[in-house]
Amino acid sequence: MSAMKSSGTPGTTRVLPVLSHFRYEHFVAGISGGVVSTLMLHPLDLIKTRFAVSDGHIHAGPQYKSLKSAVMQIVKTEGIKGLYRGVTPNVLGSGGAWGCYFFFYNTIKTWINGGNNKKSLGPCMHMFAAADAGILTLVMTNPLWVVKTRLCLQYMDDKHLPETLRYNGMVDAIRKIYRTEGVRGLYRGFIPGMFGVSHGAIQFMVYEELKNWYNEYLNAPIDSKLSTLEYIFFAAVSKLIAAATTYPYQVVRARLQDHHHHYNGSVDCVKSIWRYEGWRGYYKGLSANLTRVTPATVITFVVYENVSRYLLHRRDEDRAPLPFPAKNMEKQ
């Protein structure tokens, strides 16, 4: 295990305890990035969700022809406020998810490399750490995603639905879902969400490997700070690759969470999409999704990288030993 200076006599060392792998700074920085990006881009997330559940078979809500027509139709029928339906659970879910994800990911990564952040893990270990972080995060945040999805799919003509399927905000939605569907209802879409763990694993693996490769090209330590433009480029490339390869699970997950559709599990949903919509059905809302997730990821990662480095730098400064004269003055 790694060693660090003891708080006692200078120069003495002690073994790092398990808790030393935890860094709350990653949690705070992840939350900051998730909240900022979500507040800026929630309307695109709402439109992506509505595209995803529009199966062309069950006309439970409005049908949109394009991203532009969706925005115009929502503003016309629901007002500007309609573009922000479900924003509260989305902010809590996204902020909490990114905070947990970065926290778990960095904790697992630090544990694997024994506290040596200058040691490269390689693609397989990066994917392993990201997958574990994704599973832990999903268990904690899935109920918020169910609530967010259902609030995003509240339409003006939903008055025909029973009272139990009409929600007046996040708290009311949680209560009604739990009362009518139990814990199982709050974890709808969990199985395809587990497949979605591969999305984060691919994204983080590509992002980390691009940063490592670039720093090695510059003959710099792999944990060196990069410029904002470099973070933007690596984040965008990693998100595009991950989104393009794993998007179908998001469609299946959204439909399982939608209270207008009724499927007998993930397999039935996958078969239904293929039967009525073909392979294109698995990619509905992809353009809106890429339009949203690419800048969202860029914002999240740039905010995270800068906030985490600032907090960790402050932490190191606070723990640095005082100069010898300063210690003598304190004793006097």
Protein backbone atom coordinates (compact mmCIF):
# COMPACT_ATOMS: atom_id res chain seq x y z
CA MET A 1 0.00 0.00 0.00
CA SER A 2 1.05 3.60 -0.40
CA ALA A 3 2.57 5.62 2.37
CA MET A 4 2.11 9.22 3.43
CA LYS A 5 3.57 11.59 5.98
CA SER A 6 2.23 11.24 9.48
CA SER A 7 0.70 14.17 11.32
CA GLY A 8 3.33 13.65 13.99
CA THR A 9 7.09 14.00 13.61
CA PRO A 10 8.10 15.20 10.14
CA GLY A 11 9.56 12.46 7.99
CA THR A 12 7.74 9.58 9.67
CA THR A 13 5.34 7.56 7.58
CA ARG A 14 2.26 5.52 8.12
CA VAL A 15 0.24 3.17 5.94
CA LEU A 16 -2.76 4.70 4.20
CA PRO A 17 -5.99 3.40 5.73
CA VAL A 18 -8.84 2.27 3.47
CA LEU A 19 -10.73 5.51 4.10
CA SER A 20 -7.85 7.52 2.62
CA HIS A 21 -9.03 6.41 -0.83
CA PHE A 22 -12.24 8.42 -0.36
CA ARG A 23 -12.17 11.97 -1.71
CA TYR A 24 -15.32 14.01 -1.17
CA GLU A 25 -13.88 16.55 -3.63
CA HIS A 26 -14.75 14.22 -6.53
CA PHE A 27 -18.34 13.96 -5.27
CA VAL A 28 -18.75 17.75 -4.97
CA ALA A 29 -17.11 18.37 -8.35
CA GLY A 30 -19.31 15.74 -10.02
CA ILE A 31 -22.47 17.24 -8.56
CA SER A 32 -21.39 20.71 -9.73
CA GLY A 33 -20.86 19.53 -13.29
CA GLY A 34 -24.11 17.56 -13.40
CA VAL A 35 -26.26 20.38 -12.02
CA VAL A 36 -24.82 23.05 -14.31
CA SER A 37 -25.20 20.96 -17.47
CA THR A 38 -28.71 19.79 -16.56
CA LEU A 39 -30.05 23.27 -15.88
CA MET A 40 -28.68 24.47 -19.21
CA LEU A 41 -29.88 21.58 -21.37
CA HIS A 42 -32.98 20.06 -19.74
CA PRO A 43 -35.35 21.02 -22.61
CA LEU A 44 -33.36 18.83 -25.01
CA ASP A 45 -33.50 15.96 -22.53
CA LEU A 46 -37.29 16.29 -22.31
CA ILE A 47 -37.65 16.27 -26.10
CA LYS A 48 -35.31 13.27 -26.41
CA THR A 49 -37.45 11.36 -23.91
CA ARG A 50 -40.66 12.15 -25.78
CA PHE A 51 -39.12 11.07 -29.08
CA ALA A 52 -37.94 7.83 -27.51
CA VAL A 53 -41.41 6.77 -26.31
CA SER A 54 -43.18 7.76 -29.55
CA ASP A 55 -43.57 4.29 -31.03
CA GLY A 56 -46.01 5.10 -33.85
CA HIS A 57 -48.29 2.37 -32.52
CA ILE A 58 -49.81 3.82 -29.36
CA HIS A 59 -50.71 7.49 -29.83
CA ALA A 60 -50.69 8.42 -26.16
CA GLY A 61 -49.16 11.86 -26.62
CA PRO A 62 -48.26 14.43 -29.25
CA GLN A 63 -46.22 13.29 -32.23
CA TYR A 64 -43.22 15.42 -33.23
CA LYS A 65 -41.67 15.57 -36.70
CA SER A 66 -38.37 17.20 -35.78
CA LEU A 67 -36.47 18.86 -32.97
CA LYS A 68 -37.59 22.31 -34.11
CA SER A 69 -41.26 21.31 -34.43
CA ALA A 70 -41.12 19.67 -30.98
CA VAL A 71 -39.89 22.88 -29.35
CA MET A 72 -42.49 24.99 -31.12
CA GLN A 73 -45.34 22.58 -30.33
CA ILE A 74 -44.43 22.27 -26.65
CA VAL A 75 -44.14 26.04 -26.21
CA LYS A 76 -47.46 26.56 -28.03
CA THR A 77 -49.45 24.00 -26.02
CA GLU A 78 -47.65 24.03 -22.66
CA GLY A 79 -45.74 27.29 -22.59
CA ILE A 80 -42.05 27.78 -21.77
CA LYS A 81 -42.72 25.97 -18.50
CA GLY A 82 -43.48 22.85 -20.52
CA LEU A 83 -39.86 22.63 -21.62
CA TYR A 84 -38.85 22.26 -17.97
CA ARG A 85 -41.23 19.51 -16.88
CA GLY A 86 -39.32 17.07 -14.70
CA VAL A 87 -36.40 19.45 -14.19
CA THR A 88 -36.29 18.98 -10.39
CA PRO A 89 -35.77 15.20 -10.36
CA ASN A 90 -33.49 15.58 -13.38
CA VAL A 91 -31.26 18.06 -11.52
CA LEU A 92 -31.25 15.87 -8.41
CA GLY A 93 -30.77 12.70 -10.43
CA SER A 94 -28.10 14.08 -12.75
CA GLY A 95 -26.24 15.96 -10.04
CA GLY A 96 -26.42 13.01 -7.66
CA ALA A 97 -25.55 10.50 -10.38
CA TRP A 98 -22.49 12.41 -11.60
CA GLY A 99 -21.38 13.06 -8.03
CA CYS A 100 -21.71 9.38 -7.10
CA TYR A 101 -20.19 8.24 -10.38
CA PHE A 102 -17.06 10.36 -10.12
CA PHE A 103 -16.74 9.55 -6.41
CA PHE A 104 -17.05 5.77 -6.87
CA TYR A 105 -14.95 5.77 -10.04
CA ASN A 106 -12.04 7.65 -8.52
CA THR A 107 -12.24 5.66 -5.28
CA ILE A 108 -12.11 2.34 -7.17
CA LYS A 109 -9.41 3.61 -9.52
CA THR A 110 -7.27 4.84 -6.60
CA TRP A 111 -7.76 1.52 -4.81
CA ILE A 112 -6.65 -0.41 -7.91
CA ASN A 113 -3.48 1.62 -8.47
CA GLY A 114 -2.63 1.75 -4.75
CA GLY A 115 -2.99 5.51 -4.48
CA ASN A 116 -0.53 6.24 -7.29
CA ASN A 117 -2.44 8.57 -9.65
CA LYS A 118 0.52 8.75 -12.00
CA LYS A 119 0.13 5.06 -12.81
CA SER A 120 -1.94 4.20 -15.89
CA LEU A 121 -4.55 1.48 -15.38
CA GLY A 122 -5.04 0.58 -19.02
CA PRO A 123 -8.33 0.22 -20.97
CA CYS A 124 -9.59 -2.93 -19.19
CA MET A 125 -9.13 -1.58 -15.67
CA HIS A 126 -10.64 1.77 -16.63
CA MET A 127 -13.72 -0.06 -17.93
CA PHE A 128 -13.84 -2.21 -14.79
CA ALA A 129 -13.73 0.81 -12.47
CA ALA A 130 -16.31 2.70 -14.55
CA ALA A 131 -18.68 -0.30 -14.72
CA ASP A 132 -18.56 -0.81 -10.95
CA ALA A 133 -19.16 2.89 -10.39
CA GLY A 134 -22.09 2.78 -12.82
CA ILE A 135 -23.79 -0.13 -11.05
CA LEU A 136 -23.48 1.50 -7.62
CA THR A 137 -24.77 4.80 -8.98
CA LEU A 138 -27.73 3.20 -10.76
CA VAL A 139 -28.88 1.44 -7.58
CA MET A 140 -28.95 4.79 -5.78
CA THR A 141 -30.51 6.98 -8.50
CA ASN A 142 -32.91 4.79 -10.54
CA PRO A 143 -36.05 6.01 -8.66
CA LEU A 144 -35.20 9.61 -9.59
CA TRP A 145 -34.89 8.66 -13.27
CA VAL A 146 -38.32 6.96 -13.19
CA VAL A 147 -39.87 10.11 -11.70
CA LYS A 148 -38.04 12.36 -14.16
CA THR A 149 -39.22 10.30 -17.13
CA ARG A 150 -42.84 10.32 -16.02
CA LEU A 151 -42.87 14.06 -15.33
CA CYS A 152 -41.31 14.70 -18.74
CA LEU A 153 -44.17 12.66 -20.24
CA GLN A 154 -46.98 14.61 -18.58
CA TYR A 155 -49.11 15.97 -21.43
CA MET A 156 -51.85 18.58 -21.40
CA ASP A 157 -54.41 16.03 -22.66
CA ASP A 158 -53.66 13.52 -19.87
CA LYS A 159 -56.82 14.47 -17.97
CA HIS A 160 -58.41 11.18 -19.01
CA LEU A 161 -55.81 9.27 -17.00
CA PRO A 162 -56.69 8.14 -13.46
CA GLU A 163 -55.54 10.34 -10.61
CA THR A 164 -52.83 7.84 -9.68
CA LEU A 165 -51.11 8.46 -13.04
CA ARG A 166 -51.24 12.26 -12.87
CA TYR A 167 -48.39 13.76 -10.91
CA ASN A 168 -48.11 17.17 -9.27
CA GLY A 169 -44.36 17.33 -8.91
CA MET A 170 -41.55 15.06 -7.81
CA VAL A 171 -42.71 14.24 -4.27
CA ASP A 172 -46.25 13.50 -5.42
CA ALA A 173 -44.89 11.24 -8.17
CA ILE A 174 -42.73 9.26 -5.74
CA ARG A 175 -45.67 8.78 -3.37
CA LYS A 176 -48.09 7.67 -6.07
CA ILE A 177 -45.63 5.33 -7.80
CA TYR A 178 -44.71 3.70 -4.51
CA ARG A 179 -48.36 3.46 -3.40
CA THR A 180 -49.63 1.93 -6.65
CA GLU A 181 -46.59 -0.01 -7.92
CA GLY A 182 -44.40 -0.48 -4.87
CA VAL A 183 -40.60 -0.48 -4.87
CA ARG A 184 -40.69 -2.35 -8.17
CA GLY A 185 -42.30 0.68 -9.80
CA LEU A 186 -39.46 2.94 -8.68
CA TYR A 187 -36.99 0.53 -10.26
CA ARG A 188 -38.64 0.19 -13.66
CA GLY A 189 -36.04 0.21 -16.39
CA PHE A 190 -33.36 -1.04 -13.99
CA ILE A 191 -32.42 -4.05 -16.16
CA PRO A 192 -31.81 -2.03 -19.36
CA GLY A 193 -30.14 0.51 -17.09
CA MET A 194 -27.69 -2.21 -16.11
CA PHE A 195 -26.89 -2.69 -19.78
CA GLY A 196 -26.43 1.07 -19.88
CA VAL A 197 -23.53 0.71 -17.47
CA SER A 198 -21.55 -0.21 -20.57
CA HIS A 199 -22.20 3.33 -21.82
CA GLY A 200 -20.35 4.91 -18.90
CA ALA A 201 -17.65 2.25 -19.02
CA ILE A 202 -16.94 2.94 -22.70
CA GLN A 203 -17.10 6.70 -22.20
CA PHE A 204 -14.72 6.81 -19.24
CA MET A 205 -12.34 4.31 -20.83
CA VAL A 206 -12.08 6.39 -24.03
CA TYR A 207 -11.81 9.65 -22.07
CA GLU A 208 -9.07 8.37 -19.76
CA GLU A 209 -7.12 6.70 -22.56
CA LEU A 210 -7.25 9.83 -24.72
CA LYS A 211 -5.94 11.95 -21.84
CA ASN A 212 -3.21 9.43 -21.03
CA TRP A 213 -2.18 9.08 -24.66
CA TYR A 214 -2.02 12.86 -25.09
CA ASN A 215 0.05 13.39 -21.93
CA GLU A 216 2.43 10.61 -22.94
CA TYR A 217 2.74 12.26 -26.35
CA LEU A 218 3.74 15.48 -24.54
CA ASN A 219 6.10 13.52 -22.24
CA ALA A 220 4.09 14.77 -19.25
CA PRO A 221 2.70 12.85 -16.23
CA ILE A 222 -0.68 11.29 -17.03
CA ASP A 223 -2.40 13.31 -14.28
CA SER A 224 -1.18 16.66 -15.67
CA LYS A 225 -3.76 19.42 -16.00
CA LEU A 226 -4.90 20.03 -19.56
CA SER A 227 -6.41 23.10 -21.17
CA THR A 228 -10.16 23.64 -21.32
CA LEU A 229 -10.20 23.07 -25.08
CA GLU A 230 -8.42 19.73 -24.65
CA TYR A 231 -10.92 18.61 -22.00
CA ILE A 232 -13.76 19.68 -24.32
CA PHE A 233 -12.37 17.67 -27.25
CA PHE A 234 -11.70 14.47 -25.27
CA ALA A 235 -15.07 14.65 -23.50
CA ALA A 236 -16.95 15.17 -26.77
CA VAL A 237 -15.20 12.31 -28.59
CA SER A 238 -15.72 9.88 -25.70
CA LYS A 239 -19.43 10.76 -25.41
CA LEU A 240 -20.10 10.45 -29.14
CA ILE A 241 -18.49 7.00 -29.25
CA ALA A 242 -20.35 5.79 -26.15
CA ALA A 243 -23.72 7.24 -27.21
CA ALA A 244 -23.59 5.83 -30.73
CA THR A 245 -22.82 2.31 -29.49
CA THR A 246 -25.23 2.05 -26.54
CA TYR A 247 -28.23 4.26 -27.36
CA PRO A 248 -30.88 1.50 -27.86
CA TYR A 249 -30.94 0.66 -24.15
CA GLN A 250 -32.08 4.23 -23.42
CA VAL A 251 -35.08 3.81 -25.70
CA VAL A 252 -36.06 0.53 -24.02
CA ARG A 253 -35.55 2.02 -20.57
CA ALA A 254 -37.63 5.12 -21.31
CA ARG A 255 -40.53 3.04 -22.64
CA LEU A 256 -40.52 0.75 -19.63
CA GLN A 257 -40.69 3.82 -17.38
CA ASP A 258 -43.42 5.52 -19.44
CA HIS A 259 -46.85 5.14 -17.78
CA HIS A 260 -48.61 5.34 -21.18
CA HIS A 261 -47.06 2.06 -22.36
CA HIS A 262 -47.41 -1.40 -20.89
CA TYR A 263 -44.79 -4.06 -21.55
CA ASN A 264 -44.20 -7.41 -19.89
CA GLY A 265 -40.55 -6.70 -19.19
CA SER A 266 -37.51 -5.72 -21.23
CA VAL A 267 -37.71 -8.65 -23.68
CA ASP A 268 -41.32 -7.84 -24.58
CA CYS A 269 -40.36 -4.18 -25.11
CA VAL A 270 -37.45 -5.10 -27.40
CA LYS A 271 -39.68 -7.46 -29.44
CA SER A 272 -42.45 -4.86 -29.70
CA ILE A 273 -40.09 -2.19 -31.00
CA TRP A 274 -38.71 -4.58 -33.62
CA ARG A 275 -42.18 -5.75 -34.66
CA TYR A 276 -43.71 -2.31 -35.17
CA GLU A 277 -40.75 -0.04 -35.92
CA GLY A 278 -37.82 -2.14 -37.09
CA TRP A 279 -34.20 -1.34 -36.20
CA ARG A 280 -34.83 2.42 -36.56
CA GLY A 281 -37.11 2.24 -33.52
CA TYR A 282 -34.11 1.57 -31.30
CA TYR A 283 -32.58 4.87 -32.36
CA LYS A 284 -35.55 7.20 -32.01
CA GLY A 285 -34.49 10.49 -30.47
CA LEU A 286 -30.81 9.86 -31.21
CA SER A 287 -30.28 13.22 -32.92
CA ALA A 288 -31.93 15.08 -30.04
CA ASN A 289 -29.93 12.96 -27.62
CA LEU A 290 -26.59 13.69 -29.29
CA THR A 291 -27.49 17.37 -29.50
CA ARG A 292 -28.05 17.33 -25.75
CA VAL A 293 -25.54 14.85 -24.33
CA THR A 294 -22.48 16.08 -26.21
CA PRO A 295 -22.53 19.64 -24.82
CA ALA A 296 -23.86 18.30 -21.50
CA THR A 297 -20.90 15.97 -21.16
CA VAL A 298 -18.47 18.68 -22.21
CA ILE A 299 -19.89 21.07 -19.59
CA THR A 300 -19.96 18.36 -16.91
CA PHE A 301 -16.39 17.20 -17.48
CA VAL A 302 -14.91 20.68 -17.78
CA VAL A 303 -16.64 21.82 -14.58
CA TYR A 304 -15.65 18.58 -12.83
CA GLU A 305 -11.98 18.75 -13.85
CA ASN A 306 -11.60 22.35 -12.71
CA VAL A 307 -13.62 22.09 -9.49
CA SER A 308 -11.98 18.81 -8.42
CA ARG A 309 -8.47 20.15 -9.06
CA TYR A 310 -9.26 23.32 -7.13
CA LEU A 311 -10.67 21.40 -4.15
CA LEU A 312 -7.86 18.85 -4.12
CA HIS A 313 -5.30 21.65 -4.33
CA ARG A 314 -6.94 23.38 -1.36
CA ARG A 315 -6.92 20.09 0.54
CA ASP A 316 -3.20 19.61 -0.10
CA GLU A 317 -2.50 23.18 1.00
CA ASP A 318 -4.44 22.71 4.24
CA ARG A 319 -2.55 19.51 5.03
CA ALA A 320 0.89 20.88 4.16
CA PRO A 321 3.19 21.22 7.26
CA LEU A 322 3.78 24.74 8.49
CA PRO A 323 7.27 26.26 8.11
CA PHE A 324 9.55 25.75 11.15
CA PRO A 325 9.49 29.42 12.34
CA ALA A 326 5.68 29.47 12.22
CA LYS A 327 5.54 26.45 14.56
CA ASN A 328 7.80 28.23 17.06
CA MET A 329 5.65 31.35 16.98
CA GLU A 330 2.52 29.28 17.69
CA LYS A 331 4.21 27.78 20.78
CA GLN A 332 5.12 31.23 22.07
